[in-house]
């Protein structure tokens, strides 16, 4: 196991913590479904259109993403945000997160 592998090893508690918040979960869904990095504004549009965040107001969603969601996700090392280009991407979309995302998505669908 390399040093990078040990840093990126995802425990179930970390995965569930990342997925516990609907806004973080929504961002992860959008990034997972994207083939490449996604522009910040496009992410906001997709989140509002899919109704996968508790915020229906664009301004409030921007504040939540900027101050809470994106910092938490980038600290996890599974999401990368380039402030210069304002693009986000999963660092390894078919990584350890995949089974947790699939589970969370299936649970979100059953709640509706």
N, C-alpha and C. Protein backbone atom coordinates (compact mmCIF):
# COMPACT_ATOMS: atom_id res chain seq x y z
N UNK A 1 0.85 -1.18 0.00
CA UNK A 1 0.00 0.00 0.00
C UNK A 1 0.89 1.23 0.00
N UNK A 2 0.63 2.17 -0.90
CA UNK A 2 1.44 3.38 -0.98
C UNK A 2 0.93 4.41 0.02
N UNK A 3 1.70 5.47 0.19
CA UNK A 3 1.29 6.54 1.12
C UNK A 3 -0.02 7.16 0.67
N UNK A 4 -0.20 7.32 -0.64
CA UNK A 4 -1.45 7.88 -1.14
C UNK A 4 -2.64 7.00 -0.80
N UNK A 5 -2.46 5.67 -0.89
CA UNK A 5 -3.54 4.75 -0.59
C UNK A 5 -3.99 4.88 0.86
N UNK A 6 -3.04 5.00 1.77
CA UNK A 6 -3.41 5.10 3.18
C UNK A 6 -4.11 6.42 3.48
N UNK A 7 -3.73 7.48 2.79
CA UNK A 7 -4.39 8.78 3.00
C UNK A 7 -5.81 8.76 2.46
N UNK A 8 -6.06 8.00 1.42
CA UNK A 8 -7.36 8.02 0.76
C UNK A 8 -8.27 6.89 1.21
N UNK A 9 -7.82 6.05 2.08
CA UNK A 9 -8.65 4.95 2.54
C UNK A 9 -9.90 5.51 3.20
N UNK A 10 -11.03 5.08 2.72
CA UNK A 10 -12.30 5.64 3.17
C UNK A 10 -12.97 4.71 4.16
N UNK A 11 -13.11 5.17 5.38
CA UNK A 11 -13.82 4.38 6.38
C UNK A 11 -15.31 4.59 6.19
N UNK A 12 -16.12 3.62 6.59
CA UNK A 12 -17.57 3.80 6.49
C UNK A 12 -18.06 5.04 7.23
N UNK A 13 -17.49 5.33 8.39
CA UNK A 13 -17.96 6.50 9.15
C UNK A 13 -17.67 7.80 8.39
N UNK A 14 -16.52 7.88 7.71
CA UNK A 14 -16.21 9.07 6.92
C UNK A 14 -17.16 9.17 5.73
N UNK A 15 -17.40 8.06 5.06
CA UNK A 15 -18.31 8.07 3.90
C UNK A 15 -19.70 8.51 4.32
N UNK A 16 -20.19 7.96 5.42
CA UNK A 16 -21.54 8.32 5.87
C UNK A 16 -21.60 9.76 6.36
N UNK A 17 -20.52 10.25 6.93
CA UNK A 17 -20.47 11.65 7.34
C UNK A 17 -20.56 12.56 6.12
N UNK A 18 -19.82 12.24 5.06
CA UNK A 18 -19.87 13.04 3.84
C UNK A 18 -21.27 13.01 3.22
N UNK A 19 -21.91 11.86 3.28
CA UNK A 19 -23.22 11.69 2.64
C UNK A 19 -24.39 12.08 3.52
N UNK A 20 -24.14 12.38 4.78
CA UNK A 20 -25.23 12.69 5.71
C UNK A 20 -25.95 13.99 5.35
N UNK A 21 -25.23 14.93 4.80
CA UNK A 21 -25.81 16.23 4.47
C UNK A 21 -26.37 16.19 3.05
N UNK A 22 -27.63 16.58 2.85
CA UNK A 22 -28.23 16.52 1.51
C UNK A 22 -27.49 17.36 0.46
N UNK A 23 -26.95 18.50 0.85
CA UNK A 23 -26.22 19.33 -0.11
C UNK A 23 -24.92 18.67 -0.53
N UNK A 24 -24.18 18.11 0.42
CA UNK A 24 -22.94 17.40 0.07
C UNK A 24 -23.26 16.19 -0.79
N UNK A 25 -24.30 15.47 -0.42
CA UNK A 25 -24.71 14.30 -1.19
C UNK A 25 -25.07 14.71 -2.62
N UNK A 26 -25.80 15.80 -2.76
CA UNK A 26 -26.18 16.27 -4.09
C UNK A 26 -24.98 16.64 -4.93
N UNK A 27 -24.01 17.32 -4.33
CA UNK A 27 -22.78 17.68 -5.06
C UNK A 27 -22.07 16.42 -5.51
N UNK A 28 -21.96 15.44 -4.63
CA UNK A 28 -21.29 14.19 -4.99
C UNK A 28 -22.03 13.46 -6.12
N UNK A 29 -23.36 13.46 -6.08
CA UNK A 29 -24.12 12.84 -7.17
C UNK A 29 -23.82 13.52 -8.50
N UNK A 30 -23.87 14.85 -8.50
CA UNK A 30 -23.64 15.60 -9.74
C UNK A 30 -22.22 15.34 -10.26
N UNK A 31 -21.25 15.40 -9.38
CA UNK A 31 -19.87 15.17 -9.80
C UNK A 31 -19.67 13.74 -10.30
N UNK A 32 -20.28 12.79 -9.65
CA UNK A 32 -20.17 11.39 -10.06
C UNK A 32 -20.77 11.19 -11.45
N UNK A 33 -21.88 11.87 -11.72
CA UNK A 33 -22.56 11.72 -13.01
C UNK A 33 -21.88 12.50 -14.14
N UNK A 34 -20.93 13.35 -13.82
CA UNK A 34 -20.24 14.16 -14.82
C UNK A 34 -19.00 13.42 -15.32
N UNK A 35 -18.78 13.50 -16.62
CA UNK A 35 -17.62 12.83 -17.20
C UNK A 35 -16.32 13.59 -16.95
N UNK A 36 -16.44 14.86 -16.64
CA UNK A 36 -15.24 15.68 -16.44
C UNK A 36 -15.53 16.72 -15.36
N UNK A 37 -14.59 17.59 -15.13
CA UNK A 37 -14.78 18.66 -14.14
C UNK A 37 -15.99 19.50 -14.54
N UNK A 38 -16.67 20.01 -13.54
CA UNK A 38 -17.89 20.78 -13.80
C UNK A 38 -17.73 22.19 -13.25
N UNK A 39 -18.19 23.14 -14.03
CA UNK A 39 -18.15 24.55 -13.65
C UNK A 39 -19.07 24.77 -12.45
N UNK A 40 -18.64 25.60 -11.53
CA UNK A 40 -19.38 25.88 -10.30
C UNK A 40 -20.83 26.29 -10.58
N UNK A 41 -21.04 27.21 -11.51
CA UNK A 41 -22.40 27.68 -11.81
C UNK A 41 -23.27 26.56 -12.38
N UNK A 42 -22.66 25.71 -13.17
CA UNK A 42 -23.41 24.57 -13.73
C UNK A 42 -23.80 23.60 -12.60
N UNK A 43 -22.91 23.43 -11.65
CA UNK A 43 -23.22 22.59 -10.48
C UNK A 43 -24.43 23.15 -9.75
N UNK A 44 -24.43 24.44 -9.52
CA UNK A 44 -25.57 25.09 -8.84
C UNK A 44 -26.86 24.86 -9.62
N UNK A 45 -26.81 25.05 -10.93
CA UNK A 45 -28.00 24.82 -11.77
C UNK A 45 -28.51 23.39 -11.63
N UNK A 46 -27.60 22.44 -11.69
CA UNK A 46 -28.01 21.03 -11.60
C UNK A 46 -28.59 20.70 -10.23
N UNK A 47 -28.01 21.25 -9.18
CA UNK A 47 -28.53 20.99 -7.84
C UNK A 47 -29.94 21.55 -7.70
N UNK A 48 -30.16 22.75 -8.18
CA UNK A 48 -31.49 23.36 -8.09
C UNK A 48 -32.50 22.61 -8.96
N UNK A 49 -32.10 22.21 -10.13
CA UNK A 49 -33.01 21.51 -11.05
C UNK A 49 -33.40 20.13 -10.52
N UNK A 50 -32.44 19.43 -9.92
CA UNK A 50 -32.71 18.09 -9.41
C UNK A 50 -33.40 18.07 -8.05
N UNK A 51 -33.46 19.22 -7.42
CA UNK A 51 -34.08 19.33 -6.10
C UNK A 51 -33.45 18.34 -5.12
N UNK A 52 -32.12 18.28 -5.12
CA UNK A 52 -31.41 17.37 -4.22
C UNK A 52 -30.64 18.15 -3.17
N UNK A 53 -31.14 19.29 -2.86
CA UNK A 53 -30.58 20.10 -1.79
C UNK A 53 -31.74 20.78 -1.08
N UNK A 54 -31.62 21.04 0.19
CA UNK A 54 -32.74 21.69 0.88
C UNK A 54 -32.92 23.16 0.51
N UNK A 55 -32.02 23.70 -0.28
CA UNK A 55 -32.09 25.11 -0.64
C UNK A 55 -32.73 25.27 -2.01
N UNK A 56 -33.79 26.06 -2.08
CA UNK A 56 -34.43 26.33 -3.37
C UNK A 56 -34.11 27.74 -3.85
N UNK A 57 -33.34 28.45 -3.06
CA UNK A 57 -32.94 29.81 -3.39
C UNK A 57 -31.47 29.79 -3.84
N UNK A 58 -31.20 30.31 -5.03
CA UNK A 58 -29.85 30.28 -5.60
C UNK A 58 -28.82 30.94 -4.68
N UNK A 59 -29.16 32.06 -4.12
CA UNK A 59 -28.21 32.78 -3.26
C UNK A 59 -27.86 31.97 -2.01
N UNK A 60 -28.87 31.41 -1.37
CA UNK A 60 -28.62 30.59 -0.17
C UNK A 60 -27.81 29.35 -0.51
N UNK A 61 -28.08 28.76 -1.67
CA UNK A 61 -27.31 27.59 -2.08
C UNK A 61 -25.85 27.97 -2.32
N UNK A 62 -25.62 29.11 -2.98
CA UNK A 62 -24.25 29.59 -3.19
C UNK A 62 -23.51 29.74 -1.85
N UNK A 63 -24.15 30.36 -0.90
CA UNK A 63 -23.53 30.55 0.41
C UNK A 63 -23.22 29.22 1.08
N UNK A 64 -24.16 28.31 1.05
CA UNK A 64 -23.97 26.99 1.65
C UNK A 64 -22.82 26.24 0.98
N UNK A 65 -22.78 26.27 -0.34
CA UNK A 65 -21.71 25.58 -1.07
C UNK A 65 -20.35 26.19 -0.75
N UNK A 66 -20.28 27.50 -0.83
CA UNK A 66 -19.01 28.20 -0.65
C UNK A 66 -18.43 28.06 0.76
N UNK A 67 -19.28 28.20 1.76
CA UNK A 67 -18.81 28.25 3.14
C UNK A 67 -18.79 26.90 3.86
N UNK A 68 -19.58 25.96 3.40
CA UNK A 68 -19.71 24.71 4.15
C UNK A 68 -19.44 23.47 3.30
N UNK A 69 -20.18 23.32 2.23
CA UNK A 69 -20.16 22.07 1.46
C UNK A 69 -18.83 21.83 0.76
N UNK A 70 -18.40 22.77 -0.05
CA UNK A 70 -17.16 22.58 -0.82
C UNK A 70 -15.94 22.44 0.09
N UNK A 71 -15.78 23.27 1.13
CA UNK A 71 -14.63 23.05 2.01
C UNK A 71 -14.62 21.66 2.66
N UNK A 72 -15.78 21.17 3.06
CA UNK A 72 -15.85 19.84 3.68
C UNK A 72 -15.50 18.76 2.67
N UNK A 73 -16.01 18.88 1.46
CA UNK A 73 -15.73 17.86 0.44
C UNK A 73 -14.27 17.89 -0.01
N UNK A 74 -13.71 19.08 -0.16
CA UNK A 74 -12.30 19.14 -0.59
C UNK A 74 -11.37 18.66 0.52
N UNK A 75 -11.75 18.85 1.75
CA UNK A 75 -10.94 18.35 2.86
C UNK A 75 -10.92 16.82 2.88
N UNK A 76 -11.92 16.20 2.29
CA UNK A 76 -12.01 14.74 2.26
C UNK A 76 -11.02 14.12 1.27
N UNK A 77 -10.44 14.92 0.40
CA UNK A 77 -9.52 14.48 -0.65
C UNK A 77 -10.21 13.74 -1.80
N UNK A 78 -11.53 13.63 -1.77
CA UNK A 78 -12.25 12.97 -2.85
C UNK A 78 -12.80 13.97 -3.86
N UNK A 79 -12.80 15.24 -3.50
CA UNK A 79 -13.26 16.29 -4.39
C UNK A 79 -12.15 17.33 -4.51
N UNK A 80 -11.95 17.78 -5.73
CA UNK A 80 -10.95 18.82 -5.99
C UNK A 80 -11.66 20.04 -6.56
N UNK A 81 -11.33 21.21 -6.03
CA UNK A 81 -11.92 22.46 -6.51
C UNK A 81 -10.79 23.39 -6.92
N UNK A 82 -10.83 23.81 -8.17
CA UNK A 82 -9.84 24.75 -8.69
C UNK A 82 -10.46 26.14 -8.60
N UNK A 83 -9.99 26.93 -7.67
CA UNK A 83 -10.56 28.26 -7.46
C UNK A 83 -10.34 29.18 -8.65
N UNK A 84 -9.25 28.98 -9.37
CA UNK A 84 -8.95 29.82 -10.52
C UNK A 84 -9.97 29.61 -11.64
N UNK A 85 -10.26 28.36 -11.96
CA UNK A 85 -11.20 28.06 -13.04
C UNK A 85 -12.63 27.85 -12.54
N UNK A 86 -12.78 27.76 -11.21
CA UNK A 86 -14.08 27.50 -10.57
C UNK A 86 -14.70 26.20 -11.07
N UNK A 87 -13.87 25.17 -11.15
CA UNK A 87 -14.32 23.84 -11.56
C UNK A 87 -14.10 22.84 -10.44
N UNK A 88 -15.04 21.91 -10.33
CA UNK A 88 -14.96 20.85 -9.34
C UNK A 88 -14.94 19.50 -10.05
N UNK A 89 -14.29 18.54 -9.42
CA UNK A 89 -14.31 17.18 -9.95
C UNK A 89 -14.02 16.21 -8.83
N UNK A 90 -14.49 14.98 -9.03
CA UNK A 90 -14.09 13.91 -8.12
C UNK A 90 -12.66 13.55 -8.47
N UNK A 91 -11.85 13.28 -7.47
CA UNK A 91 -10.45 12.96 -7.75
C UNK A 91 -10.32 11.57 -8.34
N UNK A 92 -11.23 10.66 -8.02
CA UNK A 92 -11.24 9.31 -8.57
C UNK A 92 -12.68 8.83 -8.57
N UNK A 93 -13.42 9.14 -9.64
CA UNK A 93 -14.86 8.91 -9.64
C UNK A 93 -15.29 7.47 -9.42
N UNK A 94 -14.48 6.52 -9.76
CA UNK A 94 -14.85 5.12 -9.56
C UNK A 94 -14.11 4.55 -8.36
N UNK A 95 -13.95 5.38 -7.37
CA UNK A 95 -13.14 5.04 -6.20
C UNK A 95 -13.96 4.37 -5.11
N UNK A 96 -13.43 4.47 -3.95
CA UNK A 96 -14.05 3.91 -2.76
C UNK A 96 -15.43 4.52 -2.48
N UNK A 97 -15.70 5.70 -2.99
CA UNK A 97 -16.99 6.35 -2.76
C UNK A 97 -18.14 5.68 -3.50
N UNK A 98 -17.84 5.02 -4.60
CA UNK A 98 -18.89 4.51 -5.48
C UNK A 98 -19.96 3.66 -4.78
N UNK A 99 -19.61 2.66 -3.97
CA UNK A 99 -20.68 1.87 -3.34
C UNK A 99 -21.51 2.69 -2.35
N UNK A 100 -20.89 3.63 -1.69
CA UNK A 100 -21.62 4.48 -0.74
C UNK A 100 -22.57 5.42 -1.48
N UNK A 101 -22.12 5.96 -2.60
CA UNK A 101 -22.99 6.83 -3.41
C UNK A 101 -24.18 6.05 -3.94
N UNK A 102 -23.92 4.84 -4.42
CA UNK A 102 -25.01 4.01 -4.94
C UNK A 102 -26.03 3.71 -3.85
N UNK A 103 -25.55 3.38 -2.66
CA UNK A 103 -26.45 3.10 -1.54
C UNK A 103 -27.27 4.34 -1.18
N UNK A 104 -26.59 5.48 -1.04
CA UNK A 104 -27.28 6.72 -0.68
C UNK A 104 -28.33 7.09 -1.72
N UNK A 105 -27.97 6.95 -2.99
CA UNK A 105 -28.89 7.29 -4.07
C UNK A 105 -30.12 6.38 -4.02
N UNK A 106 -29.91 5.11 -3.75
CA UNK A 106 -31.06 4.19 -3.68
C UNK A 106 -31.98 4.55 -2.51
N UNK A 107 -31.40 4.98 -1.41
CA UNK A 107 -32.20 5.39 -0.26
C UNK A 107 -32.92 6.70 -0.53
N UNK A 108 -32.29 7.63 -1.22
CA UNK A 108 -32.94 8.89 -1.57
C UNK A 108 -34.15 8.63 -2.46
N UNK A 109 -34.03 7.70 -3.37
CA UNK A 109 -35.16 7.39 -4.28
C UNK A 109 -36.32 6.77 -3.54
N UNK A 110 -36.04 5.97 -2.52
CA UNK A 110 -37.14 5.33 -1.80
C UNK A 110 -37.87 6.30 -0.88
N UNK A 111 -37.23 7.40 -0.53
CA UNK A 111 -37.88 8.40 0.34
C UNK A 111 -38.87 9.27 -0.40
N UNK A 112 -38.78 9.34 -1.68
CA UNK A 112 -39.65 10.24 -2.46
C UNK A 112 -40.98 9.64 -2.74
